Amino acid sequence: MRYECRVTEETSPATVRVFIALAPPDPAKDELARVLHPAYATHPQVRWNRVEDWHITLAFLGALPLDTVPLLRPPLAALAASRPAPRLALHGSGTFDERVAWSGIAGDLDGLHRLAEGVRAVVHDCGIVLEHRPLRPHLTLARVRRGDHTSAGEIAALLTEFRGRTWPAERLHLVGSNAGSGPGQLRYRDIEAWPLGTATGAAAPPARP
């Protein structure tokens, strides 16, 4: 299915950094945060992502002109309605380049990848160029300073055996961030979010306790 959307040359030069993501529900985030809590005291020097901002990125669009963002809304809404909510879980951990600690994702990874492919097709149809990189589903927890070769691994080690509850990813989120705008903590805000599966009637069963 293709969705009509085009970026024009008349867009405003003002920009916002944008990505498209899924978000765990509060009970799943709370479960992980309890296990991670000791690391907040032992590693105060790292750049922690706020729990309320935890997300699973499906497509990172980078800095977009402000006038471009509304063009994404109708096709993303249509895509979300046509796709069922994948059932996922936070599971295990790892690091990227010794500088980023993350929690892994388990569950319906095939459904997650299909949804990500649909998202990227919408973005492409809007004339937005994405980097060609494989999807590695994860939830970023913290970033460490250059030269710190141990903290990310120590944080990840706390979650090696973590197996979280299963939950349906019920909404597709279009998110803006302040990344790169200053030295402070990353901040995210929902530009808009759409329920998954409303057109198909594909309702996911309730998550196990």
C-alpha atoms as a PDB file:
ATOM      1  CA  MET A   1       0.000   0.000   0.000  1.00  0.00           C
ATOM      2  CA  ARG A   2       1.338   3.472  -0.911  1.00  0.00           C
ATOM      3  CA  TYR A   3       0.476   6.720   0.799  1.00  0.00           C
ATOM      4  CA  GLU A   4       0.578  10.070  -1.008  1.00  0.00           C
ATOM      5  CA  CYS A   5       2.922  12.552   0.627  1.00  0.00           C
ATOM      6  CA  ARG A   6       5.479  14.945  -0.809  1.00  0.00           C
ATOM      7  CA  VAL A   7       7.995  17.390   0.613  1.00  0.00           C
ATOM      8  CA  THR A   8       8.181  20.640  -1.353  1.00  0.00           C
ATOM      9  CA  GLU A   9      11.010  23.104  -1.807  1.00  0.00           C
ATOM     10  CA  GLU A  10       8.946  25.813  -0.094  1.00  0.00           C
ATOM     11  CA  THR A  11       9.294  24.253   3.367  1.00  0.00           C
ATOM     12  CA  SER A  12      10.474  26.444   6.244  1.00  0.00           C
ATOM     13  CA  PRO A  13      14.179  26.444   7.172  1.00  0.00           C
ATOM     14  CA  ALA A  14      13.291  25.935  10.861  1.00  0.00           C
ATOM     15  CA  THR A  15      13.776  22.269  11.804  1.00  0.00           C
ATOM     16  CA  VAL A  16      12.970  19.664  14.427  1.00  0.00           C
ATOM     17  CA  ARG A  17      14.663  16.296  14.963  1.00  0.00           C
ATOM     18  CA  VAL A  18      12.076  13.586  14.387  1.00  0.00           C
ATOM     19  CA  PHE A  19      11.772   9.833  14.761  1.00  0.00           C
ATOM     20  CA  ILE A  20       8.967   7.252  14.644  1.00  0.00           C
ATOM     21  CA  ALA A  21       8.763   4.775  17.501  1.00  0.00           C
ATOM     22  CA  LEU A  22       6.852   2.427  19.781  1.00  0.00           C
ATOM     23  CA  ALA A  23       6.739   2.916  23.548  1.00  0.00           C
ATOM     24  CA  PRO A  24       6.423   0.324  26.336  1.00  0.00           C
ATOM     25  CA  PRO A  25       3.491   0.830  28.717  1.00  0.00           C
ATOM     26  CA  ASP A  26       4.182   2.186  32.205  1.00  0.00           C
ATOM     27  CA  PRO A  27       4.062  -1.214  33.995  1.00  0.00           C
ATOM     28  CA  ALA A  28       6.749  -2.605  31.681  1.00  0.00           C
ATOM     29  CA  LYS A  29       8.913   0.498  32.140  1.00  0.00           C
ATOM     30  CA  ASP A  30       8.470   0.369  35.928  1.00  0.00           C
ATOM     31  CA  GLU A  31       9.518  -3.273  35.961  1.00  0.00           C
ATOM     32  CA  LEU A  32      12.763  -2.488  34.142  1.00  0.00           C
ATOM     33  CA  ALA A  33      13.406   0.691  36.145  1.00  0.00           C
ATOM     34  CA  ARG A  34      13.304  -1.240  39.432  1.00  0.00           C
ATOM     35  CA  VAL A  35      16.065  -3.567  38.243  1.00  0.00           C
ATOM     36  CA  LEU A  36      18.066  -0.664  36.834  1.00  0.00           C
ATOM     37  CA  HIS A  37      17.650   1.573  39.898  1.00  0.00           C
ATOM     38  CA  PRO A  38      20.986   0.686  41.639  1.00  0.00           C
ATOM     39  CA  ALA A  39      22.911   1.884  38.574  1.00  0.00           C
ATOM     40  CA  TYR A  40      21.521   5.414  38.937  1.00  0.00           C
ATOM     41  CA  ALA A  41      23.466   5.751  42.195  1.00  0.00           C
ATOM     42  CA  THR A  42      26.629   3.981  41.047  1.00  0.00           C
ATOM     43  CA  HIS A  43      26.823   5.729  37.655  1.00  0.00           C
ATOM     44  CA  PRO A  44      25.655   9.336  38.155  1.00  0.00           C
ATOM     45  CA  GLN A  45      28.119  10.565  35.520  1.00  0.00           C
ATOM     46  CA  VAL A  46      26.386   8.939  32.547  1.00  0.00           C
ATOM     47  CA  ARG A  47      23.657  10.571  30.447  1.00  0.00           C
ATOM     48  CA  TRP A  48      20.535   8.656  31.444  1.00  0.00           C
ATOM     49  CA  ASN A  49      17.435   8.651  29.260  1.00  0.00           C
ATOM     50  CA  ARG A  50      14.393   9.568  31.323  1.00  0.00           C
ATOM     51  CA  VAL A  51      12.100   6.594  31.981  1.00  0.00           C
ATOM     52  CA  GLU A  52       9.116   8.483  30.579  1.00  0.00           C
ATOM     53  CA  ASP A  53      11.048   8.906  27.305  1.00  0.00           C
ATOM     54  CA  TRP A  54      11.958   5.239  26.781  1.00  0.00           C
ATOM     55  CA  HIS A  55      11.050   4.124  23.267  1.00  0.00           C
ATOM     56  CA  ILE A  56      11.864   1.671  20.461  1.00  0.00           C
ATOM     57  CA  THR A  57      12.875   3.589  17.351  1.00  0.00           C
ATOM     58  CA  LEU A  58      11.509   2.275  14.041  1.00  0.00           C
ATOM     59  CA  ALA A  59      12.867   5.071  11.833  1.00  0.00           C
ATOM     60  CA  PHE A  60      15.082   8.068  12.630  1.00  0.00           C
ATOM     61  CA  LEU A  61      14.340  10.917  10.247  1.00  0.00           C
ATOM     62  CA  GLY A  62      16.860  13.436  11.554  1.00  0.00           C
ATOM     63  CA  ALA A  63      16.292  17.197  11.370  1.00  0.00           C
ATOM     64  CA  LEU A  64      13.215  18.002   9.261  1.00  0.00           C
ATOM     65  CA  PRO A  65      11.765  21.372   8.249  1.00  0.00           C
ATOM     66  CA  LEU A  66       8.840  22.180  10.523  1.00  0.00           C
ATOM     67  CA  ASP A  67       6.510  22.414   7.533  1.00  0.00           C
ATOM     68  CA  THR A  68       7.369  18.847   6.531  1.00  0.00           C
ATOM     69  CA  VAL A  69       6.163  17.229   9.751  1.00  0.00           C
ATOM     70  CA  PRO A  70       2.393  17.685   9.126  1.00  0.00           C
ATOM     71  CA  LEU A  71       2.775  15.869   5.796  1.00  0.00           C
ATOM     72  CA  LEU A  72       3.690  12.691   7.669  1.00  0.00           C
ATOM     73  CA  ARG A  73       0.544  12.612   9.766  1.00  0.00           C
ATOM     74  CA  PRO A  74      -2.116  11.293   7.336  1.00  0.00           C
ATOM     75  CA  PRO A  75      -0.015   8.441   5.871  1.00  0.00           C
ATOM     76  CA  LEU A  76       1.289   7.375   9.287  1.00  0.00           C
ATOM     77  CA  ALA A  77      -2.248   7.385  10.690  1.00  0.00           C
ATOM     78  CA  ALA A  78      -3.405   5.189   7.803  1.00  0.00           C
ATOM     79  CA  LEU A  79      -0.462   2.835   8.246  1.00  0.00           C
ATOM     80  CA  ALA A  80      -1.053   2.478  11.981  1.00  0.00           C
ATOM     81  CA  ALA A  81      -4.735   1.702  11.475  1.00  0.00           C
ATOM     82  CA  SER A  82      -3.869  -1.046   8.982  1.00  0.00           C
ATOM     83  CA  ARG A  83      -1.300  -2.871  11.143  1.00  0.00           C
ATOM     84  CA  PRO A  84      -1.908  -5.025  14.248  1.00  0.00           C
ATOM     85  CA  ALA A  85      -0.114  -4.223  17.498  1.00  0.00           C
ATOM     86  CA  PRO A  86       2.936  -6.496  17.907  1.00  0.00           C
ATOM     87  CA  ARG A  87       3.317  -8.144  21.319  1.00  0.00           C
ATOM     88  CA  LEU A  88       6.755  -7.363  22.700  1.00  0.00           C
ATOM     89  CA  ALA A  89       8.841  -7.609  25.873  1.00  0.00           C
ATOM     90  CA  LEU A  90      11.979  -5.953  27.260  1.00  0.00           C
ATOM     91  CA  HIS A  91      14.578  -8.690  27.341  1.00  0.00           C
ATOM     92  CA  GLY A  92      18.292  -8.769  28.141  1.00  0.00           C
ATOM     93  CA  SER A  93      20.743  -5.985  27.370  1.00  0.00           C
ATOM     94  CA  GLY A  94      23.829  -4.917  25.469  1.00  0.00           C
ATOM     95  CA  THR A  95      26.018  -1.996  24.382  1.00  0.00           C
ATOM     96  CA  PHE A  96      26.893  -0.098  21.231  1.00  0.00           C
ATOM     97  CA  ASP A  97      30.554   0.902  20.857  1.00  0.00           C
ATOM     98  CA  GLU A  98      31.074   0.880  24.648  1.00  0.00           C
ATOM     99  CA  ARG A  99      29.147   4.177  24.810  1.00  0.00           C
ATOM    100  CA  VAL A 100      25.455   3.243  24.769  1.00  0.00           C
ATOM    101  CA  ALA A 101      23.720   0.816  27.159  1.00  0.00           C
ATOM    102  CA  TRP A 102      20.431  -0.644  25.991  1.00  0.00           C
ATOM    103  CA  SER A 103      17.706  -3.144  26.793  1.00  0.00           C
ATOM    104  CA  GLY A 104      16.843  -5.694  24.135  1.00  0.00           C
ATOM    105  CA  ILE A 105      13.420  -6.499  22.684  1.00  0.00           C
ATOM    106  CA  ALA A 106      11.773  -9.915  22.423  1.00  0.00           C
ATOM    107  CA  GLY A 107       8.382 -11.174  21.249  1.00  0.00           C
ATOM    108  CA  ASP A 108       6.785 -10.662  17.833  1.00  0.00           C
ATOM    109  CA  LEU A 109       9.942  -9.423  16.118  1.00  0.00           C
ATOM    110  CA  ASP A 110       8.599 -10.391  12.692  1.00  0.00           C
ATOM    111  CA  GLY A 111       5.603  -8.127  13.260  1.00  0.00           C
ATOM    112  CA  LEU A 112       7.898  -5.397  14.552  1.00  0.00           C
ATOM    113  CA  HIS A 113      10.081  -5.594  11.449  1.00  0.00           C
ATOM    114  CA  ARG A 114       7.036  -5.547   9.148  1.00  0.00           C
ATOM    115  CA  LEU A 115       5.745  -2.451  10.905  1.00  0.00           C
ATOM    116  CA  ALA A 116       9.159  -0.778  10.614  1.00  0.00           C
ATOM    117  CA  GLU A 117       9.280  -1.594   6.901  1.00  0.00           C
ATOM    118  CA  GLY A 118       5.862   0.009   6.468  1.00  0.00           C
ATOM    119  CA  VAL A 119       6.988   3.102   8.373  1.00  0.00           C
ATOM    120  CA  ARG A 120      10.102   3.439   6.238  1.00  0.00           C
ATOM    121  CA  ALA A 121       8.040   3.067   3.061  1.00  0.00           C
ATOM    122  CA  VAL A 122       5.797   5.932   4.201  1.00  0.00           C
ATOM    123  CA  VAL A 123       8.828   8.091   4.947  1.00  0.00           C
ATOM    124  CA  HIS A 124      10.315   7.283   1.537  1.00  0.00           C
ATOM    125  CA  ASP A 125       7.036   8.137  -0.194  1.00  0.00           C
ATOM    126  CA  CYS A 126       7.168  11.522   1.556  1.00  0.00           C
ATOM    127  CA  GLY A 127      10.478  12.196  -0.153  1.00  0.00           C
ATOM    128  CA  ILE A 128      12.524  11.926   3.040  1.00  0.00           C
ATOM    129  CA  VAL A 129      15.848  10.130   2.700  1.00  0.00           C
ATOM    130  CA  LEU A 130      16.716   7.610   5.425  1.00  0.00           C
ATOM    131  CA  GLU A 131      20.051   5.993   6.127  1.00  0.00           C
ATOM    132  CA  HIS A 132      20.083   2.402   4.898  1.00  0.00           C
ATOM    133  CA  ARG A 133      20.797   0.558   8.117  1.00  0.00           C
ATOM    134  CA  PRO A 134      19.216  -2.647   9.446  1.00  0.00           C
ATOM    135  CA  LEU A 135      16.712  -2.360  12.263  1.00  0.00           C
ATOM    136  CA  ARG A 136      18.200  -3.492  15.585  1.00  0.00           C
ATOM    137  CA  PRO A 137      15.266  -3.272  18.013  1.00  0.00           C
ATOM    138  CA  HIS A 138      16.393  -1.883  21.361  1.00  0.00           C
ATOM    139  CA  LEU A 139      15.548   0.626  24.070  1.00  0.00           C
ATOM    140  CA  THR A 140      18.386   3.070  24.838  1.00  0.00           C
ATOM    141  CA  LEU A 141      19.014   3.504  28.563  1.00  0.00           C
ATOM    142  CA  ALA A 142      22.164   5.612  28.873  1.00  0.00           C
ATOM    143  CA  ARG A 143      25.071   7.174  26.995  1.00  0.00           C
ATOM    144  CA  VAL A 144      28.536   7.518  28.513  1.00  0.00           C
ATOM    145  CA  ARG A 145      31.289  10.045  27.996  1.00  0.00           C
ATOM    146  CA  ARG A 146      34.127   9.519  25.579  1.00  0.00           C
ATOM    147  CA  GLY A 147      36.947   7.682  27.254  1.00  0.00           C
ATOM    148  CA  ASP A 148      34.634   5.815  29.651  1.00  0.00           C
ATOM    149  CA  HIS A 149      35.148   2.215  28.544  1.00  0.00           C
ATOM    150  CA  THR A 150      33.401   0.443  31.436  1.00  0.00           C
ATOM    151  CA  SER A 151      30.170   2.160  32.509  1.00  0.00           C
ATOM    152  CA  ALA A 152      27.959   1.072  29.591  1.00  0.00           C
ATOM    153  CA  GLY A 153      29.012  -2.562  30.057  1.00  0.00           C
ATOM    154  CA  GLU A 154      28.449  -2.394  33.805  1.00  0.00           C
ATOM    155  CA  ILE A 155      24.937  -1.014  33.305  1.00  0.00           C
ATOM    156  CA  ALA A 156      24.123  -3.646  30.686  1.00  0.00           C
ATOM    157  CA  ALA A 157      25.434  -6.397  32.984  1.00  0.00           C
ATOM    158  CA  LEU A 158      22.678  -5.612  35.502  1.00  0.00           C
ATOM    159  CA  LEU A 159      20.080  -6.608  32.897  1.00  0.00           C
ATOM    160  CA  THR A 160      21.697  -9.684  31.356  1.00  0.00           C
ATOM    161  CA  GLU A 161      19.091 -11.999  32.871  1.00  0.00           C
ATOM    162  CA  PHE A 162      16.194  -9.549  32.755  1.00  0.00           C
ATOM    163  CA  ARG A 163      12.997 -10.945  31.229  1.00  0.00           C
ATOM    164  CA  GLY A 164      10.148  -8.454  31.283  1.00  0.00           C
ATOM    165  CA  ARG A 165       6.410  -8.881  30.922  1.00  0.00           C
ATOM    166  CA  THR A 166       4.800  -9.132  27.490  1.00  0.00           C
ATOM    167  CA  TRP A 167       2.738  -6.182  26.285  1.00  0.00           C
ATOM    168  CA  PRO A 168       1.020  -5.031  23.079  1.00  0.00           C
ATOM    169  CA  ALA A 169       2.620  -1.997  21.416  1.00  0.00           C
ATOM    170  CA  GLU A 170      -0.685  -0.233  21.005  1.00  0.00           C
ATOM    171  CA  ARG A 171       0.309   3.082  19.413  1.00  0.00           C
ATOM    172  CA  LEU A 172       2.661   4.378  16.733  1.00  0.00           C
ATOM    173  CA  HIS A 173       4.403   7.565  17.902  1.00  0.00           C
ATOM    174  CA  LEU A 174       5.756  10.467  15.850  1.00  0.00           C
ATOM    175  CA  VAL A 175       8.271  12.062  18.206  1.00  0.00           C
ATOM    176  CA  GLY A 176      10.331  15.258  18.236  1.00  0.00           C
ATOM    177  CA  SER A 177      13.530  15.671  20.240  1.00  0.00           C
ATOM    178  CA  ASN A 178      15.994  18.357  21.272  1.00  0.00           C
ATOM    179  CA  ALA A 179      19.026  16.164  20.514  1.00  0.00           C
ATOM    180  CA  GLY A 180      21.966  18.243  19.412  1.00  0.00           C
ATOM    181  CA  SER A 181      20.454  21.528  20.645  1.00  0.00           C
ATOM    182  CA  GLY A 182      22.587  21.754  23.785  1.00  0.00           C
ATOM    183  CA  PRO A 183      24.521  19.893  26.479  1.00  0.00           C
ATOM    184  CA  GLY A 184      21.502  19.103  28.669  1.00  0.00           C
ATOM    185  CA  GLN A 185      19.469  15.940  29.036  1.00  0.00           C
ATOM    186  CA  LEU A 186      17.659  14.660  25.942  1.00  0.00           C
ATOM    187  CA  ARG A 187      13.985  15.593  25.879  1.00  0.00           C
ATOM    188  CA  TYR A 188      11.291  14.019  23.729  1.00  0.00           C
ATOM    189  CA  ARG A 189       7.702  14.976  23.013  1.00  0.00           C
ATOM    190  CA  ASP A 190       4.959  13.244  21.097  1.00  0.00           C
ATOM    191  CA  ILE A 191       4.030  15.233  18.024  1.00  0.00           C
ATOM    192  CA  GLU A 192       1.193  12.767  17.515  1.00  0.00           C
ATOM    193  CA  ALA A 193       0.419   9.094  18.170  1.00  0.00           C
ATOM    194  CA  TRP A 194      -2.023   6.726  16.476  1.00  0.00           C
ATOM    195  CA  PRO A 195      -3.580   3.453  17.704  1.00  0.00           C
ATOM    196  CA  LEU A 196      -2.487   0.353  15.834  1.00  0.00           C
ATOM    197  CA  GLY A 197      -4.922  -2.104  14.275  1.00  0.00           C
ATOM    198  CA  THR A 198      -8.103  -0.046  14.247  1.00  0.00           C
ATOM    199  CA  ALA A 199      -8.863  -0.690  10.577  1.00  0.00           C
ATOM    200  CA  THR A 200      -8.166  -4.411  10.735  1.00  0.00           C
ATOM    201  CA  GLY A 201      -9.857  -5.055  14.071  1.00  0.00           C
ATOM    202  CA  ALA A 202      -6.684  -6.853  15.117  1.00  0.00           C
ATOM    203  CA  ALA A 203      -6.822  -6.547  18.872  1.00  0.00           C
ATOM    204  CA  ALA A 204      -3.917  -8.010  20.816  1.00  0.00           C
ATOM    205  CA  PRO A 205      -4.731 -10.189  23.834  1.00  0.00           C
ATOM    206  CA  PRO A 206      -4.006  -8.653  27.247  1.00  0.00           C
ATOM    207  CA  ALA A 207      -0.401  -8.796  28.502  1.00  0.00           C
ATOM    208  CA  ARG A 208       0.397 -11.426  31.092  1.00  0.00           C
ATOM    209  CA  PRO A 209       0.928 -10.134  34.636  1.00  0.00           C
END
